[in-house]
Amino acid sequence: MGRGRGREALAVQGGEGCMSEDKDVKAMRNVLLNLVDAVDATGGVVTDDHGYIVPVADPDWIDLGAVYADACQVLGREMKRA
């Protein structure tokens, strides 16, 4: 993944200018892909001594590891294990 906003910059408007449901789903998928790509680019994840999935780049960030695992599951992707 390159620098910047990832696959696609998201501009969500309120009121009558709201995105259609299809665009919302695509946008949410792109956000999950960007999250997974960012964790993968920094080394993926490991399972710590307590059984938590944690990012290699920041093993104290347990929440990110959990969200990454959920995002991979939703996207049907394998987690990148270090």
Protein backbone atom coordinates (compact mmCIF):
# COMPACT_ATOMS: atom_id res chain seq x y z
CA MET A 1 0.00 0.00 0.00
CA GLY A 2 1.29 3.43 -0.86
CA ARG A 3 1.15 6.63 1.10
CA GLY A 4 -1.97 8.73 1.41
CA ARG A 5 -5.50 7.56 1.94
CA GLY A 6 -5.11 4.05 0.51
CA ARG A 7 -7.33 2.59 -2.17
CA GLU A 8 -9.84 5.38 -2.24
CA ALA A 9 -10.50 8.62 -0.39
CA LEU A 10 -13.86 8.54 1.32
CA ALA A 11 -16.16 11.54 1.24
CA VAL A 12 -19.34 10.86 3.16
CA GLN A 13 -21.97 13.57 3.06
CA GLY A 14 -25.05 13.99 5.21
CA GLY A 15 -28.66 14.57 4.21
CA GLU A 16 -29.77 14.10 0.62
CA GLY A 17 -26.19 13.69 -0.57
CA CYS A 18 -25.62 10.42 1.31
CA MET A 19 -23.86 7.63 -0.50
CA SER A 20 -25.99 4.83 -1.87
CA GLU A 21 -25.93 1.57 0.04
CA ASP A 22 -23.73 -0.06 -2.64
CA LYS A 23 -21.19 2.75 -2.36
CA ASP A 24 -21.32 2.53 1.44
CA VAL A 25 -20.58 -1.19 1.31
CA LYS A 26 -17.72 -0.61 -1.14
CA ALA A 27 -16.35 2.17 1.07
CA MET A 28 -16.53 0.00 4.19
CA ARG A 29 -14.78 -2.85 2.36
CA ASN A 30 -12.02 -0.47 1.26
CA VAL A 31 -11.54 0.73 4.84
CA LEU A 32 -11.15 -2.88 6.01
CA LEU A 33 -8.72 -3.59 3.17
CA ASN A 34 -6.67 -0.52 4.10
CA LEU A 35 -6.55 -1.64 7.74
CA VAL A 36 -5.43 -5.15 6.79
CA ASP A 37 -2.86 -3.82 4.31
CA ALA A 38 -1.42 -1.47 6.94
CA VAL A 39 -0.96 -4.24 9.52
CA ASP A 40 0.44 -6.59 6.87
CA ALA A 41 2.89 -3.93 5.67
CA THR A 42 4.27 -3.55 9.19
CA GLY A 43 4.92 -7.26 9.69
CA GLY A 44 1.53 -8.80 10.32
CA VAL A 45 0.57 -10.32 13.64
CA VAL A 46 1.74 -12.84 16.22
CA THR A 47 0.01 -14.56 19.11
CA ASP A 48 1.44 -13.31 22.39
CA ASP A 49 2.09 -15.33 25.56
CA HIS A 50 -1.48 -14.66 26.74
CA GLY A 51 -3.07 -15.91 23.51
CA TYR A 52 -3.89 -12.46 22.09
CA ILE A 53 -3.36 -11.72 18.41
CA VAL A 54 -1.17 -8.60 18.37
CA PRO A 55 0.53 -6.56 15.64
CA VAL A 56 4.24 -7.18 15.24
CA ALA A 57 4.81 -3.41 15.03
CA ASP A 58 3.13 -2.78 18.42
CA PRO A 59 2.55 -5.89 20.54
CA ASP A 60 0.86 -3.81 23.27
CA TRP A 61 -1.97 -2.85 20.88
CA ILE A 62 -4.23 -5.83 21.58
CA ASP A 63 -7.34 -4.06 20.26
CA LEU A 64 -5.77 -3.53 16.85
CA GLY A 65 -4.89 -7.20 16.65
CA ALA A 66 -8.50 -8.14 17.41
CA VAL A 67 -9.90 -5.72 14.81
CA TYR A 68 -7.36 -6.95 12.26
CA ALA A 69 -8.44 -10.56 12.87
CA ASP A 70 -12.11 -9.58 12.47
CA ALA A 71 -11.36 -7.63 9.28
CA CYS A 72 -9.49 -10.59 7.80
CA GLN A 73 -12.40 -12.88 8.62
CA VAL A 74 -14.97 -10.54 7.04
CA LEU A 75 -12.81 -10.15 3.93
CA GLY A 76 -12.06 -13.88 3.69
CA ARG A 77 -8.30 -13.24 3.93
CA GLU A 78 -5.70 -15.14 5.87
CA MET A 79 -3.94 -13.19 8.60
CA LYS A 80 -0.28 -12.48 7.89
CA ARG A 81 1.55 -14.28 10.67
CA ALA A 82 5.14 -13.34 11.42
